[in-house]
PDB file of N, CA and C in Angstrom:
ATOM      1  N   MET A   1      34.043 152.519  53.044  1.00  0.00           N
ATOM      2  CA  MET A   1      35.106 152.753  52.118  1.00  0.00           C
ATOM      3  C   MET A   1      36.281 151.663  52.152  1.00  0.00           C
ATOM      4  N   LEU A   2      36.834 151.126  53.470  1.00  0.00           N
ATOM      5  CA  LEU A   2      37.507 150.003  53.298  1.00  0.00           C
ATOM      6  C   LEU A   2      36.284 149.145  53.214  1.00  0.00           C
ATOM      7  N   CYS A   3      35.920 148.884  53.213  1.00  0.00           N
ATOM      8  CA  CYS A   3      34.818 147.612  52.461  1.00  0.00           C
ATOM      9  C   CYS A   3      35.249 147.188  51.091  1.00  0.00           C
ATOM     10  N   ASN A   4      34.908 147.722  50.017  1.00  0.00           N
ATOM     11  CA  ASN A   4      35.592 148.017  49.047  1.00  0.00           C
ATOM     12  C   ASN A   4      37.016 147.304  48.807  1.00  0.00           C
ATOM     13  N   PHE A   5      37.662 148.248  49.717  1.00  0.00           N
ATOM     14  CA  PHE A   5      39.101 148.213  49.199  1.00  0.00           C
ATOM     15  C   PHE A   5      39.421 147.111  49.674  1.00  0.00           C
ATOM     16  N   MET A   6      38.626 146.373  50.521  1.00  0.00           N
ATOM     17  CA  MET A   6      39.535 144.674  51.398  1.00  0.00           C
ATOM     18  C   MET A   6      38.930 144.088  50.036  1.00  0.00           C
ATOM     19  N   ILE A   7      37.499 144.031  49.210  1.00  0.00           N
ATOM     20  CA  ILE A   7      37.204 143.236  48.332  1.00  0.00           C
ATOM     21  C   ILE A   7      38.472 143.036  47.071  1.00  0.00           C
ATOM     22  N   ASN A   8      38.360 144.428  46.804  1.00  0.00           N
ATOM     23  CA  ASN A   8      39.488 145.075  45.705  1.00  0.00           C
ATOM     24  C   ASN A   8      40.674 144.190  45.863  1.00  0.00           C
ATOM     25  N   LEU A   9      41.409 144.172  47.110  1.00  0.00           N
ATOM     26  CA  LEU A   9      42.221 143.795  47.167  1.00  0.00           C
ATOM     27  C   LEU A   9      43.147 142.095  47.473  1.00  0.00           C
ATOM     28  N   GLY A  10      41.345 141.683  47.786  1.00  0.00           N
ATOM     29  CA  GLY A  10      41.502 140.488  47.528  1.00  0.00           C
ATOM     30  C   GLY A  10      41.705 139.860  46.313  1.00  0.00           C
ATOM     31  N   MET A  11      41.021 140.495  45.607  1.00  0.00           N
ATOM     32  CA  MET A  11      41.209 140.368  44.034  1.00  0.00           C
ATOM     33  C   MET A  11      41.781 140.480  42.779  1.00  0.00           C
ATOM     34  N   LEU A  12      42.726 141.463  43.655  1.00  0.00           N
ATOM     35  CA  LEU A  12      43.907 142.575  42.936  1.00  0.00           C
ATOM     36  C   LEU A  12      45.491 141.034  43.377  1.00  0.00           C
ATOM     37  N   MET A  13      44.910 140.413  44.658  1.00  0.00           N
ATOM     38  CA  MET A  13      46.276 138.931  44.600  1.00  0.00           C
ATOM     39  C   MET A  13      45.703 138.197  43.660  1.00  0.00           C
ATOM     40  N   ILE A  14      44.668 137.949  43.825  1.00  0.00           N
ATOM     41  CA  ILE A  14      44.091 136.694  42.715  1.00  0.00           C
ATOM     42  C   ILE A  14      44.630 137.352  41.354  1.00  0.00           C
ATOM     43  N   TYR A  15      44.378 137.928  40.306  1.00  0.00           N
ATOM     44  CA  TYR A  15      44.116 138.650  39.474  1.00  0.00           C
ATOM     45  C   TYR A  15      45.700 138.902  38.314  1.00  0.00           C
ATOM     46  N   ASN A  16      46.073 139.178  39.723  1.00  0.00           N
ATOM     47  CA  ASN A  16      47.769 139.596  39.317  1.00  0.00           C
ATOM     48  C   ASN A  16      48.680 138.561  39.240  1.00  0.00           C
ATOM     49  N   GLY A  17      48.169 137.311  39.481  1.00  0.00           N
ATOM     50  CA  GLY A  17      48.936 136.300  39.535  1.00  0.00           C
ATOM     51  C   GLY A  17      49.593 136.136  40.961  1.00  0.00           C
ATOM     52  N   MET A  18      49.538 137.141  41.556  1.00  0.00           N
ATOM     53  CA  MET A  18      50.391 136.297  43.258  1.00  0.00           C
ATOM     54  C   MET A  18      50.060 135.242  43.900  1.00  0.00           C
ATOM     55  N   ILE A  19      48.795 134.721  43.367  1.00  0.00           N
ATOM     56  CA  ILE A  19      48.478 133.724  44.289  1.00  0.00           C
ATOM     57  C   ILE A  19      48.310 132.441  42.740  1.00  0.00           C
ATOM     58  N   LYS A  20      48.897 131.478  42.900  1.00  0.00           N
ATOM     59  CA  LYS A  20      48.622 130.491  41.558  1.00  0.00           C
ATOM     60  C   LYS A  20      47.213 129.472  41.979  1.00  0.00           C
ATOM     61  N   ASN A  21      47.585 128.631  42.905  1.00  0.00           N
ATOM     62  CA  ASN A  21      46.922 127.650  43.549  1.00  0.00           C
ATOM     63  C   ASN A  21      45.642 128.110  43.230  1.00  0.00           C
ATOM     64  N   GLU A  22      44.613 126.971  43.189  1.00  0.00           N
ATOM     65  CA  GLU A  22      43.003 126.792  43.346  1.00  0.00           C
ATOM     66  C   GLU A  22      42.112 127.705  44.843  1.00  0.00           C
ATOM     67  N   LEU A  23      43.035 126.388  45.402  1.00  0.00           N
ATOM     68  CA  LEU A  23      42.420 126.550  46.546  1.00  0.00           C
ATOM     69  C   LEU A  23      42.246 127.816  47.218  1.00  0.00           C
ATOM     70  N   MET A  24      44.253 128.085  47.376  1.00  0.00           N
ATOM     71  CA  MET A  24      44.039 129.567  47.825  1.00  0.00           C
ATOM     72  C   MET A  24      43.367 130.776  47.722  1.00  0.00           C
ATOM     73  N   LYS A  25      43.467 130.975  46.301  1.00  0.00           N
ATOM     74  CA  LYS A  25      42.400 132.067  46.012  1.00  0.00           C
ATOM     75  C   LYS A  25      41.354 131.936  46.285  1.00  0.00           C
ATOM     76  N   ALA A  26      40.361 130.676  46.614  1.00  0.00           N
ATOM     77  CA  ALA A  26      39.022 130.961  46.664  1.00  0.00           C
ATOM     78  C   ALA A  26      39.286 131.349  48.583  1.00  0.00           C
ATOM     79  N   VAL A  27      40.545 130.895  48.813  1.00  0.00           N
ATOM     80  CA  VAL A  27      40.689 131.150  50.351  1.00  0.00           C
ATOM     81  C   VAL A  27      41.172 132.613  50.447  1.00  0.00           C
ATOM     82  N   ALA A  28      41.942 133.090  49.989  1.00  0.00           N
ATOM     83  CA  ALA A  28      42.111 135.067  50.291  1.00  0.00           C
ATOM     84  C   ALA A  28      40.428 135.701  49.552  1.00  0.00           C
ATOM     85  N   MET A  29      40.042 135.367  48.879  1.00  0.00           N
ATOM     86  CA  MET A  29      38.441 135.974  48.499  1.00  0.00           C
ATOM     87  C   MET A  29      37.426 135.841  50.085  1.00  0.00           C
ATOM     88  N   ILE A  30      37.621 134.401  50.340  1.00  0.00           N
ATOM     89  CA  ILE A  30      36.500 133.926  51.773  1.00  0.00           C
ATOM     90  C   ILE A  30      36.868 134.956  52.752  1.00  0.00           C
ATOM     91  N   SER A  31      38.568 134.500  53.128  1.00  0.00           N
ATOM     92  CA  SER A  31      38.823 135.837  54.179  1.00  0.00           C
ATOM     93  C   SER A  31      39.239 136.946  54.097  1.00  0.00           C
ATOM     94  N   THR A  32      38.942 138.115  52.531  1.00  0.00           N
ATOM     95  CA  THR A  32      38.874 139.412  52.822  1.00  0.00           C
ATOM     96  C   THR A  32      37.537 139.583  52.600  1.00  0.00           C
ATOM     97  N   VAL A  33      36.190 138.741  52.414  1.00  0.00           N
ATOM     98  CA  VAL A  33      34.603 139.151  52.616  1.00  0.00           C
ATOM     99  C   VAL A  33      34.334 139.055  54.041  1.00  0.00           C
ATOM    100  N   PHE A  34      35.185 137.786  54.774  1.00  0.00           N
ATOM    101  CA  PHE A  34      35.177 137.459  55.894  1.00  0.00           C
ATOM    102  C   PHE A  34      35.805 138.612  57.310  1.00  0.00           C
ATOM    103  N   VAL A  35      36.637 139.227  56.665  1.00  0.00           N
ATOM    104  CA  VAL A  35      37.335 140.562  57.480  1.00  0.00           C
ATOM    105  C   VAL A  35      36.352 141.908  57.772  1.00  0.00           C
ATOM    106  N   PHE A  36      35.697 141.960  56.035  1.00  0.00           N
ATOM    107  CA  PHE A  36      35.187 143.321  56.304  1.00  0.00           C
ATOM    108  C   PHE A  36      33.786 143.078  56.772  1.00  0.00           C
ATOM    109  N   ALA A  37      32.960 141.365  56.469  1.00  0.00           N
ATOM    110  CA  ALA A  37      31.852 141.059  57.750  1.00  0.00           C
ATOM    111  C   ALA A  37      32.023 141.053  59.509  1.00  0.00           C
ATOM    112  N   PHE A  38      33.186 140.426  59.275  1.00  0.00           N
ATOM    113  CA  PHE A  38      33.182 140.354  60.898  1.00  0.00           C
ATOM    114  C   PHE A  38      33.872 141.902  61.443  1.00  0.00           C
ATOM    115  N   VAL A  39      34.352 143.068  60.991  1.00  0.00           N
ATOM    116  CA  VAL A  39      34.818 144.322  61.346  1.00  0.00           C
ATOM    117  C   VAL A  39      33.732 145.262  61.627  1.00  0.00           C
ATOM    118  N   GLY A  40      32.907 144.728  60.292  1.00  0.00           N
ATOM    119  CA  GLY A  40      31.376 145.674  60.440  1.00  0.00           C
ATOM    120  C   GLY A  40      31.438 146.295  59.391  1.00  0.00           C
ATOM    121  N   PHE A  41      32.121 146.590  58.505  1.00  0.00           N
ATOM    122  CA  PHE A  41      32.024 147.650  57.321  1.00  0.00           C
ATOM    123  C   PHE A  41      31.142 147.143  56.792  1.00  0.00           C
ATOM    124  N   GLU A  42      30.178 148.874  56.060  1.00  0.00           N
ATOM    125  CA  GLU A  42      28.948 148.004  55.539  1.00  0.00           C
ATOM    126  C   GLU A  42      28.924 148.363  54.033  1.00  0.00           C
ATOM    127  N   HIS A  43      28.366 147.532  53.279  1.00  0.00           N
ATOM    128  CA  HIS A  43      28.462 147.789  51.984  1.00  0.00           C
ATOM    129  C   HIS A  43      26.629 148.372  51.130  1.00  0.00           C
ATOM    130  N   SER A  44      27.010 148.574  50.280  1.00  0.00           N
ATOM    131  CA  SER A  44      25.596 149.540  49.696  1.00  0.00           C
ATOM    132  C   SER A  44      25.072 148.375  49.287  1.00  0.00           C
ATOM    133  N   VAL A  45      25.565 147.110  48.531  1.00  0.00           N
ATOM    134  CA  VAL A  45      24.420 145.272  48.152  1.00  0.00           C
ATOM    135  C   VAL A  45      24.322 145.178  49.517  1.00  0.00           C
ATOM    136  N   ALA A  46      24.737 144.867  50.315  1.00  0.00           N
ATOM    137  CA  ALA A  46      24.101 144.072  51.697  1.00  0.00           C
ATOM    138  C   ALA A  46      23.124 145.067  52.495  1.00  0.00           C
ATOM    139  N   ASN A  47      23.289 146.520  52.351  1.00  0.00           N
ATOM    140  CA  ASN A  47      22.273 146.846  53.161  1.00  0.00           C
ATOM    141  C   ASN A  47      21.233 147.285  52.302  1.00  0.00           C
ATOM    142  N   THR A  48      21.005 147.008  51.391  1.00  0.00           N
ATOM    143  CA  THR A  48      19.943 147.142  50.038  1.00  0.00           C
ATOM    144  C   THR A  48      19.892 145.998  50.593  1.00  0.00           C
ATOM    145  N   VAL A  49      19.903 145.150  50.292  1.00  0.00           N
ATOM    146  CA  VAL A  49      19.039 143.586  51.001  1.00  0.00           C
ATOM    147  C   VAL A  49      18.851 143.352  52.033  1.00  0.00           C
ATOM    148  N   LEU A  50      19.252 143.956  53.277  1.00  0.00           N
ATOM    149  CA  LEU A  50      18.893 144.269  54.805  1.00  0.00           C
ATOM    150  C   LEU A  50      17.239 145.392  54.920  1.00  0.00           C
ATOM    151  N   PHE A  51      17.673 146.293  54.102  1.00  0.00           N
ATOM    152  CA  PHE A  51      16.524 147.163  53.879  1.00  0.00           C
ATOM    153  C   PHE A  51      15.010 146.964  53.208  1.00  0.00           C
ATOM    154  N   THR A  52      15.142 145.989  52.296  1.00  0.00           N
ATOM    155  CA  THR A  52      14.204 145.612  51.207  1.00  0.00           C
ATOM    156  C   THR A  52      13.667 144.373  52.616  1.00  0.00           C
ATOM    157  N   ILE A  53      14.790 143.723  53.110  1.00  0.00           N
ATOM    158  CA  ILE A  53      13.648 142.571  54.066  1.00  0.00           C
ATOM    159  C   ILE A  53      12.795 143.574  55.134  1.00  0.00           C
ATOM    160  N   GLN A  54      13.596 144.288  55.584  1.00  0.00           N
ATOM    161  CA  GLN A  54      12.949 145.612  56.596  1.00  0.00           C
ATOM    162  C   GLN A  54      11.709 146.414  56.431  1.00  0.00           C
ATOM    163  N   ALA A  55      12.019 146.257  55.092  1.00  0.00           N
ATOM    164  CA  ALA A  55      10.978 146.820  53.992  1.00  0.00           C
ATOM    165  C   ALA A  55       9.385 146.044  53.770  1.00  0.00           C
ATOM    166  N   PHE A  56       9.626 145.008  53.860  1.00  0.00           N
ATOM    167  CA  PHE A  56       8.626 143.783  53.465  1.00  0.00           C
ATOM    168  C   PHE A  56       8.040 143.555  55.085  1.00  0.00           C
ATOM    169  N   GLN A  57       8.989 144.132  56.195  1.00  0.00           N
ATOM    170  CA  GLN A  57       7.980 143.914  57.322  1.00  0.00           C
ATOM    171  C   GLN A  57       7.753 145.093  58.339  1.00  0.00           C
ATOM    172  N   GLY A  58       7.376 145.980  56.943  1.00  0.00           N
ATOM    173  CA  GLY A  58       6.725 146.910  57.516  1.00  0.00           C
ATOM    174  C   GLY A  58       7.019 147.978  58.783  1.00  0.00           C
ATOM    175  N   GLY A  59       8.637 148.280  59.072  1.00  0.00           N
ATOM    176  CA  GLY A  59       8.971 148.858  59.773  1.00  0.00           C
ATOM    177  C   GLY A  59      10.314 149.750  59.710  1.00  0.00           C
ATOM    178  N   LEU A  60      10.707 150.522  57.958  1.00  0.00           N
ATOM    179  CA  LEU A  60      11.551 151.352  57.591  1.00  0.00           C
ATOM    180  C   LEU A  60      11.786 152.220  57.556  1.00  0.00           C
ATOM    181  N   GLU A  61      12.440 153.302  57.827  1.00  0.00           N
ATOM    182  CA  GLU A  61      12.567 154.618  57.980  1.00  0.00           C
ATOM    183  C   GLU A  61      13.255 154.948  56.477  1.00  0.00           C
ATOM    184  N   TRP A  62      12.432 155.156  55.835  1.00  0.00           N
ATOM    185  CA  TRP A  62      13.292 155.385  53.999  1.00  0.00           C
ATOM    186  C   TRP A  62      13.984 156.816  54.309  1.00  0.00           C
ATOM    187  N   GLY A  63      14.127 157.483  55.114  1.00  0.00           N
ATOM    188  CA  GLY A  63      14.736 158.516  55.103  1.00  0.00           C
ATOM    189  C   GLY A  63      16.258 158.120  55.519  1.00  0.00           C
ATOM    190  N   LEU A  64      16.015 157.954  56.418  1.00  0.00           N
ATOM    191  CA  LEU A  64      17.294 157.180  56.664  1.00  0.00           C
ATOM    192  C   LEU A  64      18.094 155.842  56.512  1.00  0.00           C
ATOM    193  N   ALA A  65      17.721 155.500  56.010  1.00  0.00           N
ATOM    194  CA  ALA A  65      18.048 154.101  55.047  1.00  0.00           C
ATOM    195  C   ALA A  65      18.709 154.508  53.761  1.00  0.00           C
ATOM    196  N   LEU A  66      17.390 155.473  52.822  1.00  0.00           N
ATOM    197  CA  LEU A  66      18.252 156.027  52.068  1.00  0.00           C
ATOM    198  C   LEU A  66      19.884 156.888  52.021  1.00  0.00           C
ATOM    199  N   GLY A  67      19.309 157.471  53.053  1.00  0.00           N
ATOM    200  CA  GLY A  67      20.910 158.781  53.774  1.00  0.00           C
ATOM    201  C   GLY A  67      21.948 157.434  53.613  1.00  0.00           C
ATOM    202  N   ASN A  68      22.030 156.284  54.507  1.00  0.00           N
ATOM    203  CA  ASN A  68      22.331 155.704  54.981  1.00  0.00           C
ATOM    204  C   ASN A  68      23.356 155.111  53.706  1.00  0.00           C
ATOM    205  N   LEU A  69      22.617 154.899  52.500  1.00  0.00           N
ATOM    206  CA  LEU A  69      22.832 153.963  51.112  1.00  0.00           C
ATOM    207  C   LEU A  69      23.451 155.015  49.912  1.00  0.00           C
ATOM    208  N   ALA A  70      23.285 155.947  50.404  1.00  0.00           N
ATOM    209  CA  ALA A  70      24.270 157.391  49.840  1.00  0.00           C
ATOM    210  C   ALA A  70      24.938 157.584  50.319  1.00  0.00           C
ATOM    211  N   ILE A  71      25.749 157.314  52.058  1.00  0.00           N
ATOM    212  CA  ILE A  71      26.662 157.677  52.513  1.00  0.00           C
ATOM    213  C   ILE A  71      27.784 156.664  52.092  1.00  0.00           C
ATOM    214  N   VAL A  72      27.281 154.877  51.727  1.00  0.00           N
ATOM    215  CA  VAL A  72      27.686 153.628  52.268  1.00  0.00           C
ATOM    216  C   VAL A  72      27.987 153.779  50.674  1.00  0.00           C
ATOM    217  N   LEU A  73      27.285 154.172  49.425  1.00  0.00           N
ATOM    218  CA  LEU A  73      27.399 154.290  47.866  1.00  0.00           C
ATOM    219  C   LEU A  73      28.930 154.521  47.930  1.00  0.00           C
ATOM    220  N   ALA A  74      29.158 155.825  48.145  1.00  0.00           N
ATOM    221  CA  ALA A  74      29.696 156.995  48.459  1.00  0.00           C
ATOM    222  C   ALA A  74      31.525 156.418  48.832  1.00  0.00           C
ATOM    223  N   GLY A  75      31.425 156.100  49.631  1.00  0.00           N
ATOM    224  CA  GLY A  75      32.458 155.271  50.189  1.00  0.00           C
ATOM    225  C   GLY A  75      33.043 154.122  49.564  1.00  0.00           C
ATOM    226  N   ASN A  76      31.721 153.340  49.186  1.00  0.00           N
ATOM    227  CA  ASN A  76      32.286 152.037  48.349  1.00  0.00           C
ATOM    228  C   ASN A  76      32.903 152.922  47.293  1.00  0.00           C
ATOM    229  N   MET A  77      32.503 154.061  46.251  1.00  0.00           N
ATOM    230  CA  MET A  77      33.253 154.379  45.069  1.00  0.00           C
ATOM    231  C   MET A  77      34.461 155.144  45.442  1.00  0.00           C
ATOM    232  N   VAL A  78      34.985 155.682  46.634  1.00  0.00           N
ATOM    233  CA  VAL A  78      36.037 156.023  46.976  1.00  0.00           C
ATOM    234  C   VAL A  78      37.178 154.661  47.546  1.00  0.00           C
ATOM    235  N   GLY A  79      36.748 154.070  47.947  1.00  0.00           N
ATOM    236  CA  GLY A  79      37.268 152.996  48.663  1.00  0.00           C
ATOM    237  C   GLY A  79      37.939 152.108  46.746  1.00  0.00           C
ATOM    238  N   GLY A  80      36.558 151.591  46.461  1.00  0.00           N
ATOM    239  CA  GLY A  80      37.184 150.412  45.331  1.00  0.00           C
ATOM    240  C   GLY A  80      37.239 151.287  43.701  1.00  0.00           C
ATOM    241  N   GLY A  81      36.829 152.784  43.607  1.00  0.00           N
ATOM    242  CA  GLY A  81      37.217 153.843  42.582  1.00  0.00           C
ATOM    243  C   GLY A  81      38.518 154.122  42.629  1.00  0.00           C
ATOM    244  N   LEU A  82      38.469 155.344  44.083  1.00  0.00           N
ATOM    245  CA  LEU A  82      39.877 156.122  44.128  1.00  0.00           C
ATOM    246  C   LEU A  82      40.956 155.243  44.597  1.00  0.00           C
ATOM    247  N   LEU A  83      40.986 154.328  45.257  1.00  0.00           N
ATOM    248  CA  LEU A  83      42.319 153.609  46.294  1.00  0.00           C
ATOM    249  C   LEU A  83      42.835 152.691  45.236  1.00  0.00           C
ATOM    250  N   ILE A  84      41.820 152.151  44.763  1.00  0.00           N
ATOM    251  CA  ILE A  84      41.977 150.866  44.348  1.00  0.00           C
ATOM    252  C   ILE A  84      42.147 151.199  42.471  1.00  0.00           C
ATOM    253  N   GLY A  85      41.780 152.095  42.343  1.00  0.00           N
ATOM    254  CA  GLY A  85      41.730 152.891  40.757  1.00  0.00           C
ATOM    255  C   GLY A  85      42.833 153.217  40.746  1.00  0.00           C
ATOM    256  N   TRP A  86      43.474 154.337  41.883  1.00  0.00           N
ATOM    257  CA  TRP A  86      44.649 155.216  41.796  1.00  0.00           C
ATOM    258  C   TRP A  86      46.025 154.124  41.710  1.00  0.00           C
ATOM    259  N   TYR A  87      46.428 152.774  41.962  1.00  0.00           N
ATOM    260  CA  TYR A  87      46.575 151.330  41.988  1.00  0.00           C
ATOM    261  C   TYR A  87      46.688 151.198  40.653  1.00  0.00           C
ATOM    262  N   TYR A  88      45.851 150.777  39.749  1.00  0.00           N
ATOM    263  CA  TYR A  88      45.670 149.982  38.666  1.00  0.00           C
ATOM    264  C   TYR A  88      46.118 151.373  37.894  1.00  0.00           C
ATOM    265  N   ALA A  89      46.157 152.689  38.088  1.00  0.00           N
ATOM    266  CA  ALA A  89      46.186 153.658  37.055  1.00  0.00           C
ATOM    267  C   ALA A  89      48.094 153.787  37.291  1.00  0.00           C
ATOM    268  N   TYR A  90      48.734 153.717  38.343  1.00  0.00           N
ATOM    269  CA  TYR A  90      50.090 153.861  38.556  1.00  0.00           C
ATOM    270  C   TYR A  90      50.788 152.828  38.426  1.00  0.00           C
ATOM    271  N   ALA A  91      50.516 151.393  38.006  1.00  0.00           N
ATOM    272  CA  ALA A  91      50.893 149.922  37.456  1.00  0.00           C
ATOM    273  C   ALA A  91      50.742 149.678  36.254  1.00  0.00           C
ATOM    274  N   ASN A  92      49.834 150.140  35.629  1.00  0.00           N
ATOM    275  CA  ASN A  92      49.641 150.247  34.267  1.00  0.00           C
ATOM    276  C   ASN A  92      49.899 151.718  33.356  1.00  0.00           C
ATOM    277  N   ASP A  93      50.687 152.166  34.403  1.00  0.00           N
ATOM    278  CA  ASP A  93      51.417 153.563  33.473  1.00  0.00           C
ATOM    279  C   ASP A  93      52.181 153.506  32.515  1.00  0.00           C
ATOM    280  N   ASP A  94      52.590 153.284  31.391  1.00  0.00           N
ATOM    281  CA  ASP A  94      53.111 152.796  30.327  1.00  0.00           C
ATOM    282  C   ASP A  94      53.808 153.889  30.193  1.00  0.00           C
ATOM    283  N   THR A  95      53.731 155.250  30.221  1.00  0.00           N
ATOM    284  CA  THR A  95      54.942 156.259  30.294  1.00  0.00           C
ATOM    285  C   THR A  95      56.039 156.001  31.213  1.00  0.00           C
ATOM    286  N   ARG A  96      55.806 155.925  32.091  1.00  0.00           N
ATOM    287  CA  ARG A  96      57.007 155.550  33.287  1.00  0.00           C
ATOM    288  C   ARG A  96      58.028 154.607  32.984  1.00  0.00           C
ATOM    289  N   HIS A  97      56.950 153.390  32.351  1.00  0.00           N
ATOM    290  CA  HIS A  97      57.802 152.538  31.839  1.00  0.00           C
ATOM    291  C   HIS A  97      58.788 152.696  31.174  1.00  0.00           C
ATOM    292  N   LEU A  98      58.405 153.159  29.632  1.00  0.00           N
ATOM    293  CA  LEU A  98      58.703 154.353  29.356  1.00  0.00           C
ATOM    294  C   LEU A  98      60.274 155.362  28.954  1.00  0.00           C
ATOM    295  N   ARG A  99      59.804 155.995  30.369  1.00  0.00           N
ATOM    296  CA  ARG A  99      60.918 156.830  30.473  1.00  0.00           C
ATOM    297  C   ARG A  99      62.070 156.038  31.180  1.00  0.00           C
ATOM    298  N   LYS A 100      61.803 155.001  32.103  1.00  0.00           N
ATOM    299  CA  LYS A 100      62.900 153.904  32.831  1.00  0.00           C
ATOM    300  C   LYS A 100      63.728 153.434  31.486  1.00  0.00           C
ATOM    301  N   ARG A 101      62.996 152.734  30.417  1.00  0.00           N
ATOM    302  CA  ARG A 101      63.258 152.356  29.009  1.00  0.00           C
ATOM    303  C   ARG A 101      63.804 153.152  28.340  1.00  0.00           C
ATOM    304  N   SER A 102      63.459 154.295  27.997  1.00  0.00           N
ATOM    305  CA  SER A 102      64.565 155.748  27.328  1.00  0.00           C
ATOM    306  C   SER A 102      65.545 155.506  27.528  1.00  0.00           C
ATOM    307  N   ALA A 103      65.400 155.988  29.292  1.00  0.00           N
ATOM    308  CA  ALA A 103      66.739 155.873  29.721  1.00  0.00           C
ATOM    309  C   ALA A 103      68.134 155.272  29.799  1.00  0.00           C
ATOM    310  N   SER A 104      67.176 154.004  30.034  1.00  0.00           N
ATOM    311  CA  SER A 104      68.539 153.274  29.921  1.00  0.00           C
ATOM    312  C   SER A 104      69.182 152.734  28.995  1.00  0.00           C
ATOM    313  N   ILE A 105      68.736 152.855  27.775  1.00  0.00           N
ATOM    314  CA  ILE A 105      68.534 152.913  26.375  1.00  0.00           C
ATOM    315  C   ILE A 105      69.659 153.907  25.828  1.00  0.00           C
ATOM    316  N   GLY A 106      69.493 155.436  26.116  1.00  0.00           N
ATOM    317  CA  GLY A 106      70.209 156.460  25.983  1.00  0.00           C
ATOM    318  C   GLY A 106      71.000 156.533  26.849  1.00  0.00           C
ATOM    319  N   ALA A 107      71.851 155.696  27.722  1.00  0.00           N
ATOM    320  CA  ALA A 107      72.674 155.833  28.735  1.00  0.00           C
ATOM    321  C   ALA A 107      73.780 155.010  28.707  1.00  0.00           C
TER     322      ALA A 107
END
């Protein structure tokens, strides 16, 4: 869950215009990826690659691997979809802005 949250947080800083310098954009993205990798957060795409390598070597337990992928995929969806999606829904809520605007016009 926190892996996808970290990556989306880095992208959020870049795409919302909080960071203007191109070098600092690259540093922000690299640092967020570094943080989630260093802390040991699991990501379904990275795990898929690791499990494929292990399967080619003949030592993969398919049930455990698929169970891990299911749990990590659900966590990634919560982290990226719900946590970051909730922020985007809140930030882009036109009705909230319209209510403030109509309140200031009516006053």
